[in-house]
Amino acid sequence: MATSSRGGYSEADIAYMQSLQGAVVQRSPKHLIVTVVVMAGALLALLIWMSWAEIDSVVRGSGRIIPSSQLQRVQSLEGGVISEIFVSEGDDVVLDQPLVKISDVAAAGSFE
């Protein structure tokens, strides 16, 4: 029986192995190993350069964060019927600005 250089197994033996065991026996092609070694070498060179290089200048700036969506859901803790709306779509609002007026008929009825 002729054996190949794949761990002493013949092609017929590999054909009857389970797929995972056969893959381990066949091993990866040499060009994939070379690619991984080159990528690891490049990463090592980059890490060495990062530890050796110095930063020439530092720039600081100020800015404003704008959310990607200006729309926010407004919910009331207590349900009710809206009697007035004080803002319209696209208006700028400030902190503590009333947005809507909710009719207090249901709350007043349960209070009494």
C-alpha atoms as a PDB file:
ATOM      1  CA  MET A   1       0.000   0.000   0.000  1.00  0.00           C
ATOM      2  CA  ALA A   2       1.433   3.364  -1.041  1.00  0.00           C
ATOM      3  CA  THR A   3       1.338   6.191   1.462  1.00  0.00           C
ATOM      4  CA  SER A   4       1.499   9.869   0.761  1.00  0.00           C
ATOM      5  CA  SER A   5       3.242  12.559   2.790  1.00  0.00           C
ATOM      6  CA  ARG A   6       0.024  13.266   4.694  1.00  0.00           C
ATOM      7  CA  GLY A   7       0.870  11.724   8.015  1.00  0.00           C
ATOM      8  CA  GLY A   8       1.320   8.245   6.619  1.00  0.00           C
ATOM      9  CA  TYR A   9      -2.267   7.994   5.320  1.00  0.00           C
ATOM     10  CA  SER A  10      -3.104   6.976   1.773  1.00  0.00           C
ATOM     11  CA  GLU A  11      -5.665   8.789  -0.375  1.00  0.00           C
ATOM     12  CA  ALA A  12      -8.071   5.876   0.143  1.00  0.00           C
ATOM     13  CA  ASP A  13      -7.722   6.183   3.934  1.00  0.00           C
ATOM     14  CA  ILE A  14      -8.442   9.919   3.792  1.00  0.00           C
ATOM     15  CA  ALA A  15     -11.504   9.333   1.605  1.00  0.00           C
ATOM     16  CA  TYR A  16     -13.073   7.117   4.304  1.00  0.00           C
ATOM     17  CA  MET A  17     -12.263   9.428   7.265  1.00  0.00           C
ATOM     18  CA  GLN A  18     -14.790  11.753   8.819  1.00  0.00           C
ATOM     19  CA  SER A  19     -14.631  15.191   7.253  1.00  0.00           C
ATOM     20  CA  LEU A  20     -13.025  16.944  10.245  1.00  0.00           C
ATOM     21  CA  GLN A  21     -10.372  14.287  10.731  1.00  0.00           C
ATOM     22  CA  GLY A  22      -9.661  14.237   6.991  1.00  0.00           C
ATOM     23  CA  ALA A  23      -9.261  18.024   6.958  1.00  0.00           C
ATOM     24  CA  VAL A  24      -6.780  17.850   9.832  1.00  0.00           C
ATOM     25  CA  VAL A  25      -4.785  15.156   8.051  1.00  0.00           C
ATOM     26  CA  GLN A  26      -4.761  16.973   4.720  1.00  0.00           C
ATOM     27  CA  ARG A  27      -3.694  20.266   6.369  1.00  0.00           C
ATOM     28  CA  SER A  28      -3.821  23.711   4.861  1.00  0.00           C
ATOM     29  CA  PRO A  29      -2.106  24.552   1.578  1.00  0.00           C
ATOM     30  CA  LYS A  30       1.291  26.237   1.831  1.00  0.00           C
ATOM     31  CA  HIS A  31       0.107  29.531   0.323  1.00  0.00           C
ATOM     32  CA  LEU A  32      -2.400  29.990   3.164  1.00  0.00           C
ATOM     33  CA  ILE A  33       0.311  29.391   5.748  1.00  0.00           C
ATOM     34  CA  VAL A  34       2.558  31.897   3.977  1.00  0.00           C
ATOM     35  CA  THR A  35      -0.285  34.441   3.945  1.00  0.00           C
ATOM     36  CA  VAL A  36      -0.868  34.050   7.691  1.00  0.00           C
ATOM     37  CA  VAL A  37       2.875  34.357   8.404  1.00  0.00           C
ATOM     38  CA  VAL A  38       3.131  37.518   6.269  1.00  0.00           C
ATOM     39  CA  MET A  39       0.102  39.064   8.027  1.00  0.00           C
ATOM     40  CA  ALA A  40       1.527  38.197  11.455  1.00  0.00           C
ATOM     41  CA  GLY A  41       4.883  39.719  10.446  1.00  0.00           C
ATOM     42  CA  ALA A  42       3.170  42.893   9.242  1.00  0.00           C
ATOM     43  CA  LEU A  43       1.242  43.137  12.514  1.00  0.00           C
ATOM     44  CA  LEU A  44       4.432  42.641  14.515  1.00  0.00           C
ATOM     45  CA  ALA A  45       6.228  45.315  12.458  1.00  0.00           C
ATOM     46  CA  LEU A  46       3.312  47.702  13.006  1.00  0.00           C
ATOM     47  CA  LEU A  47       3.342  47.122  16.762  1.00  0.00           C
ATOM     48  CA  ILE A  48       7.093  47.712  16.925  1.00  0.00           C
ATOM     49  CA  TRP A  49       6.755  50.910  14.881  1.00  0.00           C
ATOM     50  CA  MET A  50       3.909  52.123  17.155  1.00  0.00           C
ATOM     51  CA  SER A  51       6.048  51.666  20.262  1.00  0.00           C
ATOM     52  CA  TRP A  52       9.035  53.404  18.679  1.00  0.00           C
ATOM     53  CA  ALA A  53       7.419  56.343  16.820  1.00  0.00           C
ATOM     54  CA  GLU A  54       6.659  59.692  18.472  1.00  0.00           C
ATOM     55  CA  ILE A  55       3.664  61.961  17.953  1.00  0.00           C
ATOM     56  CA  ASP A  56       4.682  65.241  16.305  1.00  0.00           C
ATOM     57  CA  SER A  57       1.710  67.370  17.295  1.00  0.00           C
ATOM     58  CA  VAL A  58      -1.557  67.227  19.189  1.00  0.00           C
ATOM     59  CA  VAL A  59      -4.655  69.063  18.000  1.00  0.00           C
ATOM     60  CA  ARG A  60      -7.623  69.761  20.246  1.00  0.00           C
ATOM     61  CA  GLY A  61     -10.979  71.058  19.161  1.00  0.00           C
ATOM     62  CA  SER A  62     -14.474  71.652  20.395  1.00  0.00           C
ATOM     63  CA  GLY A  63     -17.666  70.574  18.754  1.00  0.00           C
ATOM     64  CA  ARG A  64     -21.317  69.792  19.141  1.00  0.00           C
ATOM     65  CA  ILE A  65     -22.932  66.386  19.164  1.00  0.00           C
ATOM     66  CA  ILE A  66     -26.058  66.219  17.036  1.00  0.00           C
ATOM     67  CA  PRO A  67     -28.105  63.012  17.251  1.00  0.00           C
ATOM     68  CA  SER A  68     -28.797  61.234  13.985  1.00  0.00           C
ATOM     69  CA  SER A  69     -32.521  61.513  14.623  1.00  0.00           C
ATOM     70  CA  GLN A  70     -33.975  64.654  16.159  1.00  0.00           C
ATOM     71  CA  LEU A  71     -37.309  62.925  16.722  1.00  0.00           C
ATOM     72  CA  GLN A  72     -38.085  61.671  20.199  1.00  0.00           C
ATOM     73  CA  ARG A  73     -41.150  59.894  21.513  1.00  0.00           C
ATOM     74  CA  VAL A  74     -43.037  61.879  24.161  1.00  0.00           C
ATOM     75  CA  GLN A  75     -45.194  59.844  26.549  1.00  0.00           C
ATOM     76  CA  SER A  76     -47.412  60.828  29.410  1.00  0.00           C
ATOM     77  CA  LEU A  77     -47.379  59.011  32.734  1.00  0.00           C
ATOM     78  CA  GLU A  78     -51.158  59.324  32.891  1.00  0.00           C
ATOM     79  CA  GLY A  79     -53.449  58.911  29.920  1.00  0.00           C
ATOM     80  CA  GLY A  80     -55.876  61.581  28.798  1.00  0.00           C
ATOM     81  CA  VAL A  81     -57.211  63.603  25.915  1.00  0.00           C
ATOM     82  CA  ILE A  82     -54.970  66.298  24.429  1.00  0.00           C
ATOM     83  CA  SER A  83     -56.808  69.618  24.512  1.00  0.00           C
ATOM     84  CA  GLU A  84     -54.051  71.881  23.120  1.00  0.00           C
ATOM     85  CA  ILE A  85     -50.758  71.414  21.244  1.00  0.00           C
ATOM     86  CA  PHE A  86     -48.204  74.168  21.858  1.00  0.00           C
ATOM     87  CA  VAL A  87     -45.511  73.097  19.353  1.00  0.00           C
ATOM     88  CA  SER A  88     -45.530  71.915  15.782  1.00  0.00           C
ATOM     89  CA  GLU A  89     -43.212  69.634  13.829  1.00  0.00           C
ATOM     90  CA  GLY A  90     -39.778  71.171  13.263  1.00  0.00           C
ATOM     91  CA  ASP A  91     -39.982  73.666  16.165  1.00  0.00           C
ATOM     92  CA  ASP A  92     -37.040  73.947  18.547  1.00  0.00           C
ATOM     93  CA  VAL A  93     -37.964  73.261  22.149  1.00  0.00           C
ATOM     94  CA  VAL A  94     -36.188  74.179  25.356  1.00  0.00           C
ATOM     95  CA  LEU A  95     -36.030  72.479  28.735  1.00  0.00           C
ATOM     96  CA  ASP A  96     -39.303  72.635  30.723  1.00  0.00           C
ATOM     97  CA  GLN A  97     -41.263  74.091  27.777  1.00  0.00           C
ATOM     98  CA  PRO A  98     -44.839  72.753  27.747  1.00  0.00           C
ATOM     99  CA  LEU A  99     -45.554  70.714  24.623  1.00  0.00           C
ATOM    100  CA  VAL A 100     -49.213  69.773  25.017  1.00  0.00           C
ATOM    101  CA  LYS A 101     -52.091  70.336  27.427  1.00  0.00           C
ATOM    102  CA  ILE A 102     -53.959  67.248  28.537  1.00  0.00           C
ATOM    103  CA  SER A 103     -57.600  67.587  29.525  1.00  0.00           C
ATOM    104  CA  ASP A 104     -57.976  66.920  33.241  1.00  0.00           C
ATOM    105  CA  VAL A 105     -61.596  65.781  33.088  1.00  0.00           C
ATOM    106  CA  ALA A 106     -60.786  62.127  33.871  1.00  0.00           C
ATOM    107  CA  ALA A 107     -58.348  63.021  36.661  1.00  0.00           C
ATOM    108  CA  ALA A 108     -60.760  65.529  38.219  1.00  0.00           C
ATOM    109  CA  GLY A 109     -63.586  62.972  38.090  1.00  0.00           C
ATOM    110  CA  SER A 110     -61.548  60.301  39.868  1.00  0.00           C
ATOM    111  CA  PHE A 111     -60.274  62.855  42.399  1.00  0.00           C
ATOM    112  CA  GLU A 112     -63.789  63.911  43.380  1.00  0.00           C
END
